[in-house]
Amino acid sequence: AMSLFLSRAVGPKGRVLSYEIRDDHHNLAKKNYRHWRAAW
């Protein structure tokens, strides 16, 4: 959730580094981000 809002805030010339210690959370965050981008 936060990754998506940060992505929009920094824009195409910005960068977000998102660290996660749990593999399942890491994969879910990436999946939700990819799905939103693809649909957009």
All heavy atoms as atom14 arrays in JSON, in Angstrom:
{
  "sequence": "AMSLFLSRAVGPKGRVLSYEIRDDHHNLAKKNYRHWRAAW",
  "atom14_mask": [
    [1, 1, 1, 1, 1, 0, 0, 0, 0, 0, 0, 0, 0, 0],
    [1, 1, 1, 1, 1, 1, 1, 1, 0, 0, 0, 0, 0, 0],
    [1, 1, 1, 1, 1, 1, 0, 0, 0, 0, 0, 0, 0, 0],
    [1, 1, 1, 1, 1, 1, 1, 1, 0, 0, 0, 0, 0, 0],
    [1, 1, 1, 1, 1, 1, 1, 1, 1, 1, 1, 0, 0, 0],
    [1, 1, 1, 1, 1, 1, 1, 1, 0, 0, 0, 0, 0, 0],
    [1, 1, 1, 1, 1, 1, 0, 0, 0, 0, 0, 0, 0, 0],
    [1, 1, 1, 1, 1, 1, 1, 1, 1, 1, 1, 0, 0, 0],
    [1, 1, 1, 1, 1, 0, 0, 0, 0, 0, 0, 0, 0, 0],
    [1, 1, 1, 1, 1, 1, 1, 0, 0, 0, 0, 0, 0, 0],
    [1, 1, 1, 1, 0, 0, 0, 0, 0, 0, 0, 0, 0, 0],
    [1, 1, 1, 1, 1, 1, 1, 0, 0, 0, 0, 0, 0, 0],
    [1, 1, 1, 1, 1, 1, 1, 1, 1, 0, 0, 0, 0, 0],
    [1, 1, 1, 1, 0, 0, 0, 0, 0, 0, 0, 0, 0, 0],
    [1, 1, 1, 1, 1, 1, 1, 1, 1, 1, 1, 0, 0, 0],
    [1, 1, 1, 1, 1, 1, 1, 0, 0, 0, 0, 0, 0, 0],
    [1, 1, 1, 1, 1, 1, 1, 1, 0, 0, 0, 0, 0, 0],
    [1, 1, 1, 1, 1, 1, 0, 0, 0, 0, 0, 0, 0, 0],
    [1, 1, 1, 1, 1, 1, 1, 1, 1, 1, 1, 1, 0, 0],
    [1, 1, 1, 1, 1, 1, 1, 1, 1, 0, 0, 0, 0, 0],
    [1, 1, 1, 1, 1, 1, 1, 1, 0, 0, 0, 0, 0, 0],
    [1, 1, 1, 1, 1, 1, 1, 1, 1, 1, 1, 0, 0, 0],
    [1, 1, 1, 1, 1, 1, 1, 1, 0, 0, 0, 0, 0, 0],
    [1, 1, 1, 1, 1, 1, 1, 1, 0, 0, 0, 0, 0, 0],
    [1, 1, 1, 1, 1, 1, 1, 1, 1, 1, 0, 0, 0, 0],
    [1, 1, 1, 1, 1, 1, 1, 1, 1, 1, 0, 0, 0, 0],
    [1, 1, 1, 1, 1, 1, 1, 1, 0, 0, 0, 0, 0, 0],
    [1, 1, 1, 1, 1, 1, 1, 1, 0, 0, 0, 0, 0, 0],
    [1, 1, 1, 1, 1, 0, 0, 0, 0, 0, 0, 0, 0, 0],
    [1, 1, 1, 1, 1, 1, 1, 1, 1, 0, 0, 0, 0, 0],
    [1, 1, 1, 1, 1, 1, 1, 1, 1, 0, 0, 0, 0, 0],
    [1, 1, 1, 1, 1, 1, 1, 1, 0, 0, 0, 0, 0, 0],
    [1, 1, 1, 1, 1, 1, 1, 1, 1, 1, 1, 1, 0, 0],
    [1, 1, 1, 1, 1, 1, 1, 1, 1, 1, 1, 0, 0, 0],
    [1, 1, 1, 1, 1, 1, 1, 1, 1, 1, 0, 0, 0, 0],
    [1, 1, 1, 1, 1, 1, 1, 1, 1, 1, 1, 1, 1, 1],
    [1, 1, 1, 1, 1, 1, 1, 1, 1, 1, 1, 0, 0, 0],
    [1, 1, 1, 1, 1, 0, 0, 0, 0, 0, 0, 0, 0, 0],
    [1, 1, 1, 1, 1, 0, 0, 0, 0, 0, 0, 0, 0, 0],
    [1, 1, 1, 1, 1, 1, 1, 1, 1, 1, 1, 1, 1, 1]
  ],
  "atom14_positions": [
    [[0.82, -1.21, 0.0], [0.0, 0.0, 0.0], [0.86, 1.26, 0.0], [0.71, 2.14, -0.87], [-0.94, 0.0, 1.2], [0.0, 0.0, 0.0], [0.0, 0.0, 0.0], [0.0, 0.0, 0.0], [0.0, 0.0, 0.0], [0.0, 0.0, 0.0], [0.0, 0.0, 0.0], [0.0, 0.0, 0.0], [0.0, 0.0, 0.0], [0.0, 0.0, 0.0]],
    [[1.76, 1.38, 0.96], [2.62, 2.55, 1.03], [3.49, 2.67, -0.22], [3.73, 3.77, -0.74], [3.49, 2.48, 2.29], [4.49, 3.62, 2.43], [3.72, 5.23, 2.68], [3.26, 5.09, 4.41], [0.0, 0.0, 0.0], [0.0, 0.0, 0.0], [0.0, 0.0, 0.0], [0.0, 0.0, 0.0], [0.0, 0.0, 0.0], [0.0, 0.0, 0.0]],
    [[3.97, 1.53, -0.73], [4.82, 1.54, -1.92], [4.1, 2.2, -3.09], [4.7, 2.98, -3.85], [5.21, 0.11, -2.29], [5.77, -0.59, -1.21], [0.0, 0.0, 0.0], [0.0, 0.0, 0.0], [0.0, 0.0, 0.0], [0.0, 0.0, 0.0], [0.0, 0.0, 0.0], [0.0, 0.0, 0.0], [0.0, 0.0, 0.0], [0.0, 0.0, 0.0]],
    [[2.83, 1.89, -3.28], [2.06, 2.45, -4.38], [1.89, 3.97, -4.25], [2.06, 4.72, -5.21], [0.7, 1.77, -4.47], [0.69, 0.41, -5.15], [-0.56, -0.38, -4.79], [0.78, 0.58, -6.67], [0.0, 0.0, 0.0], [0.0, 0.0, 0.0], [0.0, 0.0, 0.0], [0.0, 0.0, 0.0], [0.0, 0.0, 0.0], [0.0, 0.0, 0.0]],
    [[1.56, 4.43, -3.06], [1.38, 5.87, -2.87], [2.71, 6.61, -2.99], [2.77, 7.72, -3.53], [0.74, 6.15, -1.51], [-0.75, 5.98, -1.51], [-1.33, 4.78, -1.09], [-1.59, 7.0, -1.93], [-2.71, 4.62, -1.1], [-2.96, 6.85, -1.94], [-3.54, 5.65, -1.52], [0.0, 0.0, 0.0], [0.0, 0.0, 0.0], [0.0, 0.0, 0.0]],
    [[3.8, 6.01, -2.49], [5.11, 6.63, -2.65], [5.51, 6.67, -4.12], [6.09, 7.66, -4.58], [6.16, 5.84, -1.85], [6.11, 5.97, -0.33], [7.09, 5.0, 0.31], [6.44, 7.4, 0.11], [0.0, 0.0, 0.0], [0.0, 0.0, 0.0], [0.0, 0.0, 0.0], [0.0, 0.0, 0.0], [0.0, 0.0, 0.0], [0.0, 0.0, 0.0]],
    [[5.19, 5.62, -4.85], [5.5, 5.56, -6.27], [4.87, 6.73, -7.02], [5.5, 7.39, -7.85], [5.01, 4.23, -6.86], [5.14, 4.2, -8.26], [0.0, 0.0, 0.0], [0.0, 0.0, 0.0], [0.0, 0.0, 0.0], [0.0, 0.0, 0.0], [0.0, 0.0, 0.0], [0.0, 0.0, 0.0], [0.0, 0.0, 0.0], [0.0, 0.0, 0.0]],
    [[3.6, 7.0, -6.71], [2.92, 8.12, -7.36], [3.5, 9.46, -6.92], [3.64, 10.38, -7.73], [1.42, 8.08, -7.04], [0.64, 9.19, -7.73], [-0.85, 8.96, -7.68], [-1.4, 9.05, -6.33], [-2.69, 8.9, -6.04], [-3.55, 8.63, -7.01], [-3.11, 9.0, -4.8], [0.0, 0.0, 0.0], [0.0, 0.0, 0.0], [0.0, 0.0, 0.0]],
    [[3.88, 9.57, -5.65], [4.37, 10.85, -5.12], [5.72, 11.24, -5.72], [5.94, 12.42, -6.03], [4.47, 10.78, -3.59], [0.0, 0.0, 0.0], [0.0, 0.0, 0.0], [0.0, 0.0, 0.0], [0.0, 0.0, 0.0], [0.0, 0.0, 0.0], [0.0, 0.0, 0.0], [0.0, 0.0, 0.0], [0.0, 0.0, 0.0], [0.0, 0.0, 0.0]],
    [[6.63, 10.29, -5.88], [7.98, 10.63, -6.39], [8.0, 10.71, -7.91], [8.91, 11.31, -8.49], [9.05, 9.64, -5.9], [9.06, 9.58, -4.38], [8.85, 8.24, -6.49], [0.0, 0.0, 0.0], [0.0, 0.0, 0.0], [0.0, 0.0, 0.0], [0.0, 0.0, 0.0], [0.0, 0.0, 0.0], [0.0, 0.0, 0.0], [0.0, 0.0, 0.0]],
    [[7.04, 10.1, -8.58], [6.92, 10.23, -10.03], [7.97, 9.44, -10.79], [8.82, 8.74, -10.22], [0.0, 0.0, 0.0], [0.0, 0.0, 0.0], [0.0, 0.0, 0.0], [0.0, 0.0, 0.0], [0.0, 0.0, 0.0], [0.0, 0.0, 0.0], [0.0, 0.0, 0.0], [0.0, 0.0, 0.0], [0.0, 0.0, 0.0], [0.0, 0.0, 0.0]],
    [[7.94, 9.56, -12.12], [8.84, 8.76, -12.97], [10.32, 9.08, -12.79], [11.17, 8.24, -13.11], [8.37, 9.08, -14.39], [7.61, 10.36, -14.28], [7.0, 10.37, -12.91], [0.0, 0.0, 0.0], [0.0, 0.0, 0.0], [0.0, 0.0, 0.0], [0.0, 0.0, 0.0], [0.0, 0.0, 0.0], [0.0, 0.0, 0.0], [0.0, 0.0, 0.0]],
    [[10.65, 10.26, -12.29], [12.05, 10.61, -12.09], [12.52, 10.3, -10.66], [13.7, 10.51, -10.35], [12.28, 12.09, -12.41], [12.05, 12.43, -13.88], [12.37, 13.89, -14.16], [12.17, 14.21, -15.64], [12.47, 15.64, -15.94], [0.0, 0.0, 0.0], [0.0, 0.0, 0.0], [0.0, 0.0, 0.0], [0.0, 0.0, 0.0], [0.0, 0.0, 0.0]],
    [[11.62, 9.83, -9.82], [11.97, 9.49, -8.44], [12.23, 8.01, -8.27], [12.14, 7.23, -9.22], [0.0, 0.0, 0.0], [0.0, 0.0, 0.0], [0.0, 0.0, 0.0], [0.0, 0.0, 0.0], [0.0, 0.0, 0.0], [0.0, 0.0, 0.0], [0.0, 0.0, 0.0], [0.0, 0.0, 0.0], [0.0, 0.0, 0.0], [0.0, 0.0, 0.0]],
    [[12.53, 7.63, -7.04], [12.87, 6.23, -6.75], [12.41, 5.88, -5.34], [12.56, 6.67, -4.42], [14.39, 6.04, -6.86], [14.88, 4.61, -6.66], [16.39, 4.58, -6.68], [16.93, 3.23, -6.49], [18.18, 2.97, -6.12], [19.03, 3.98, -5.92], [18.59, 1.73, -5.96], [0.0, 0.0, 0.0], [0.0, 0.0, 0.0], [0.0, 0.0, 0.0]],
    [[11.85, 4.68, -5.22], [11.44, 4.15, -3.92], [12.18, 2.85, -3.67], [12.17, 1.95, -4.52], [9.91, 3.89, -3.87], [9.52, 3.3, -2.51], [9.13, 5.18, -4.14], [0.0, 0.0, 0.0], [0.0, 0.0, 0.0], [0.0, 0.0, 0.0], [0.0, 0.0, 0.0], [0.0, 0.0, 0.0], [0.0, 0.0, 0.0], [0.0, 0.0, 0.0]],
    [[12.84, 2.76, -2.53], [13.5, 1.52, -2.11], [12.65, 0.92, -1.0], [12.49, 1.52, 0.06], [14.91, 1.8, -1.59], [15.87, 2.47, -2.58], [17.16, 2.86, -1.87], [16.17, 1.52, -3.73], [0.0, 0.0, 0.0], [0.0, 0.0, 0.0], [0.0, 0.0, 0.0], [0.0, 0.0, 0.0], [0.0, 0.0, 0.0], [0.0, 0.0, 0.0]],
    [[12.09, -0.26, -1.25], [11.17, -0.88, -0.29], [11.78, -2.18, 0.24], [11.87, -3.17, -0.49], [9.82, -1.15, -0.97], [8.9, -1.69, -0.04], [0.0, 0.0, 0.0], [0.0, 0.0, 0.0], [0.0, 0.0, 0.0], [0.0, 0.0, 0.0], [0.0, 0.0, 0.0], [0.0, 0.0, 0.0], [0.0, 0.0, 0.0], [0.0, 0.0, 0.0]],
    [[12.17, -2.17, 1.5], [12.79, -3.34, 2.13], [11.75, -4.14, 2.91], [10.89, -3.57, 3.6], [13.9, -2.89, 3.09], [15.23, -2.61, 2.41], [15.41, -1.46, 1.65], [16.3, -3.49, 2.52], [16.61, -1.19, 1.02], [17.51, -3.24, 1.9], [17.66, -2.08, 1.15], [18.85, -1.83, 0.53], [0.0, 0.0, 0.0], [0.0, 0.0, 0.0]],
    [[11.85, -5.45, 2.81], [10.94, -6.35, 3.52], [11.72, -7.6, 3.95], [12.48, -8.17, 3.16], [9.77, -6.74, 2.62], [8.83, -7.79, 3.2], [8.21, -7.38, 4.53], [7.57, -6.32, 4.59], [8.38, -8.15, 5.51], [0.0, 0.0, 0.0], [0.0, 0.0, 0.0], [0.0, 0.0, 0.0], [0.0, 0.0, 0.0], [0.0, 0.0, 0.0]],
    [[11.51, -8.02, 5.19], [12.25, -9.16, 5.72], [11.56, -10.49, 5.43], [12.2, -11.53, 5.34], [12.48, -8.98, 7.24], [13.48, -10.01, 7.77], [11.16, -9.05, 8.0], [13.88, -9.77, 9.21], [0.0, 0.0, 0.0], [0.0, 0.0, 0.0], [0.0, 0.0, 0.0], [0.0, 0.0, 0.0], [0.0, 0.0, 0.0], [0.0, 0.0, 0.0]],
    [[10.22, -10.47, 5.24], [9.47, -11.7, 5.03], [9.24, -11.95, 3.54], [8.78, -11.07, 2.8], [8.13, -11.63, 5.76], [8.24, -11.79, 7.25], [6.89, -11.88, 7.92], [6.0, -12.85, 7.31], [4.89, -13.3, 7.89], [4.57, -12.86, 9.1], [4.11, -14.16, 7.28], [0.0, 0.0, 0.0], [0.0, 0.0, 0.0], [0.0, 0.0, 0.0]],
    [[9.53, -13.16, 3.12], [9.42, -13.52, 1.71], [7.98, -13.43, 1.21], [7.73, -12.94, 0.1], [9.95, -14.95, 1.52], [9.93, -15.38, 0.06], [10.76, -14.87, -0.71], [9.07, -16.21, -0.31], [0.0, 0.0, 0.0], [0.0, 0.0, 0.0], [0.0, 0.0, 0.0], [0.0, 0.0, 0.0], [0.0, 0.0, 0.0], [0.0, 0.0, 0.0]],
    [[7.0, -13.87, 2.01], [5.61, -13.85, 1.55], [5.1, -12.42, 1.4], [4.4, -12.09, 0.44], [4.71, -14.65, 2.49], [4.83, -14.24, 3.95], [5.83, -13.59, 4.32], [3.92, -14.59, 4.74], [0.0, 0.0, 0.0], [0.0, 0.0, 0.0], [0.0, 0.0, 0.0], [0.0, 0.0, 0.0], [0.0, 0.0, 0.0], [0.0, 0.0, 0.0]],
    [[5.47, -11.53, 2.32], [5.06, -10.13, 2.21], [5.75, -9.47, 1.02], [5.12, -8.69, 0.29], [5.4, -9.38, 3.5], [4.62, -9.85, 4.69], [4.83, -9.34, 5.96], [3.64, -10.77, 4.81], [3.99, -9.94, 6.8], [3.27, -10.81, 6.13], [0.0, 0.0, 0.0], [0.0, 0.0, 0.0], [0.0, 0.0, 0.0], [0.0, 0.0, 0.0]],
    [[7.01, -9.76, 0.84], [7.78, -9.22, -0.28], [7.13, -9.57, -1.62], [6.93, -8.7, -2.48], [9.21, -9.77, -0.21], [10.05, -9.53, -1.41], [10.63, -8.31, -1.68], [10.42, -10.36, -2.43], [11.33, -8.4, -2.81], [11.22, -9.62, -3.28], [0.0, 0.0, 0.0], [0.0, 0.0, 0.0], [0.0, 0.0, 0.0], [0.0, 0.0, 0.0]],
    [[6.76, -10.84, -1.78], [6.16, -11.29, -3.04], [4.77, -10.68, -3.24], [4.39, -10.34, -4.37], [6.08, -12.81, -3.07], [7.44, -13.46, -3.21], [8.35, -12.89, -3.81], [7.62, -14.64, -2.64], [0.0, 0.0, 0.0], [0.0, 0.0, 0.0], [0.0, 0.0, 0.0], [0.0, 0.0, 0.0], [0.0, 0.0, 0.0], [0.0, 0.0, 0.0]],
    [[3.99, -10.56, -2.17], [2.65, -10.0, -2.29], [2.71, -8.52, -2.66], [1.94, -8.05, -3.5], [1.88, -10.18, -0.98], [0.45, -9.63, -0.97], [-0.41, -10.29, -2.05], [-0.2, -9.84, 0.4], [0.0, 0.0, 0.0], [0.0, 0.0, 0.0], [0.0, 0.0, 0.0], [0.0, 0.0, 0.0], [0.0, 0.0, 0.0], [0.0, 0.0, 0.0]],
    [[3.63, -7.78, -2.04], [3.76, -6.36, -2.36], [4.13, -6.17, -3.83], [3.57, -5.31, -4.52], [4.81, -5.72, -1.45], [0.0, 0.0, 0.0], [0.0, 0.0, 0.0], [0.0, 0.0, 0.0], [0.0, 0.0, 0.0], [0.0, 0.0, 0.0], [0.0, 0.0, 0.0], [0.0, 0.0, 0.0], [0.0, 0.0, 0.0], [0.0, 0.0, 0.0]],
    [[5.07, -6.97, -4.3], [5.45, -6.88, -5.72], [4.29, -7.22, -6.64], [4.07, -6.56, -7.67], [6.62, -7.82, -6.01], [7.96, -7.38, -5.47], [9.11, -8.07, -6.17], [9.05, -9.58, -6.04], [10.22, -10.22, -6.69], [0.0, 0.0, 0.0], [0.0, 0.0, 0.0], [0.0, 0.0, 0.0], [0.0, 0.0, 0.0], [0.0, 0.0, 0.0]],
    [[3.52, -8.24, -6.28], [2.39, -8.66, -7.1], [1.32, -7.58, -7.17], [0.8, -7.27, -8.25], [1.8, -9.96, -6.53], [0.65, -10.55, -7.34], [0.17, -11.85, -6.73], [-0.98, -12.45, -7.52], [-1.46, -13.72, -6.9], [0.0, 0.0, 0.0], [0.0, 0.0, 0.0], [0.0, 0.0, 0.0], [0.0, 0.0, 0.0], [0.0, 0.0, 0.0]],
    [[0.98, -6.99, -6.02], [-0.04, -5.94, -6.01], [0.42, -4.72, -6.8], [-0.38, -4.08, -7.5], [-0.37, -5.54, -4.57], [-1.25, -6.56, -3.86], [-1.99, -7.31, -4.5], [-1.17, -6.61, -2.54], [0.0, 0.0, 0.0], [0.0, 0.0, 0.0], [0.0, 0.0, 0.0], [0.0, 0.0, 0.0], [0.0, 0.0, 0.0], [0.0, 0.0, 0.0]],
    [[1.7, -4.4, -6.69], [2.25, -3.27, -7.45], [2.2, -3.55, -8.95], [1.77, -2.68, -9.72], [3.68, -3.03, -6.99], [4.4, -1.91, -7.71], [4.07, -0.58, -7.49], [5.44, -2.19, -8.61], [4.74, 0.44, -8.15], [6.11, -1.17, -9.26], [5.76, 0.14, -9.03], [6.42, 1.15, -9.69], [0.0, 0.0, 0.0], [0.0, 0.0, 0.0]],
    [[2.59, -4.74, -9.37], [2.56, -5.09, -10.8], [1.14, -5.09, -11.34], [0.89, -4.63, -12.46], [3.21, -6.47, -11.01], [4.72, -6.5, -10.86], [5.29, -7.75, -11.5], [4.66, -8.96, -10.99], [5.13, -9.7, -10.01], [6.25, -9.34, -9.4], [4.5, -10.79, -9.61], [0.0, 0.0, 0.0], [0.0, 0.0, 0.0], [0.0, 0.0, 0.0]],
    [[0.2, -5.61, -10.56], [-1.19, -5.67, -11.03], [-1.76, -4.26, -11.24], [-2.48, -4.02, -12.22], [-2.04, -6.45, -10.03], [-1.88, -7.93, -10.16], [-2.59, -8.83, -9.39], [-1.11, -8.69, -10.96], [-2.26, -10.06, -9.72], [-1.35, -10.0, -10.67], [0.0, 0.0, 0.0], [0.0, 0.0, 0.0], [0.0, 0.0, 0.0], [0.0, 0.0, 0.0]],
    [[-1.46, -3.36, -10.32], [-1.96, -1.99, -10.48], [-1.34, -1.33, -11.7], [-2.03, -0.68, -12.49], [-1.65, -1.18, -9.22], [-2.01, 0.27, -9.37], [-1.15, 1.32, -9.6], [-3.33, 0.85, -9.33], [-1.85, 2.51, -9.69], [-3.18, 2.24, -9.53], [-4.61, 0.32, -9.14], [-4.26, 3.13, -9.54], [-5.7, 1.2, -9.15], [-5.52, 2.57, -9.35]],
    [[-0.03, -1.49, -11.88], [0.65, -0.88, -13.03], [0.08, -1.41, -14.35], [-0.17, -0.64, -15.29], [2.14, -1.16, -12.99], [2.93, -0.37, -11.95], [4.44, -0.45, -12.21], [4.79, 0.26, -13.42], [5.36, -0.31, -14.47], [5.63, -1.61, -14.48], [5.67, 0.41, -15.54], [0.0, 0.0, 0.0], [0.0, 0.0, 0.0], [0.0, 0.0, 0.0]],
    [[-0.11, -2.72, -14.43], [-0.61, -3.33, -15.66], [-2.01, -2.83, -16.0], [-2.31, -2.5, -17.15], [-0.6, -4.85, -15.54], [0.0, 0.0, 0.0], [0.0, 0.0, 0.0], [0.0, 0.0, 0.0], [0.0, 0.0, 0.0], [0.0, 0.0, 0.0], [0.0, 0.0, 0.0], [0.0, 0.0, 0.0], [0.0, 0.0, 0.0], [0.0, 0.0, 0.0]],
    [[-2.88, -2.76, -14.99], [-4.24, -2.3, -15.22], [-4.26, -0.81, -15.57], [-5.04, -0.37, -16.42], [-5.1, -2.56, -13.97], [0.0, 0.0, 0.0], [0.0, 0.0, 0.0], [0.0, 0.0, 0.0], [0.0, 0.0, 0.0], [0.0, 0.0, 0.0], [0.0, 0.0, 0.0], [0.0, 0.0, 0.0], [0.0, 0.0, 0.0], [0.0, 0.0, 0.0]],
    [[-3.4, -0.04, -14.92], [-3.34, 1.4, -15.19], [-2.96, 1.67, -16.64], [-3.51, 2.55, -17.31], [-2.33, 2.04, -14.24], [-2.17, 3.52, -14.42], [-1.33, 4.16, -15.29], [-2.88, 4.55, -13.72], [-1.46, 5.52, -15.17], [-2.41, 5.79, -14.21], [-3.86, 4.55, -12.72], [-2.89, 7.01, -13.74], [-4.33, 5.76, -12.25], [-3.85, 6.97, -12.75]]
  ]
}
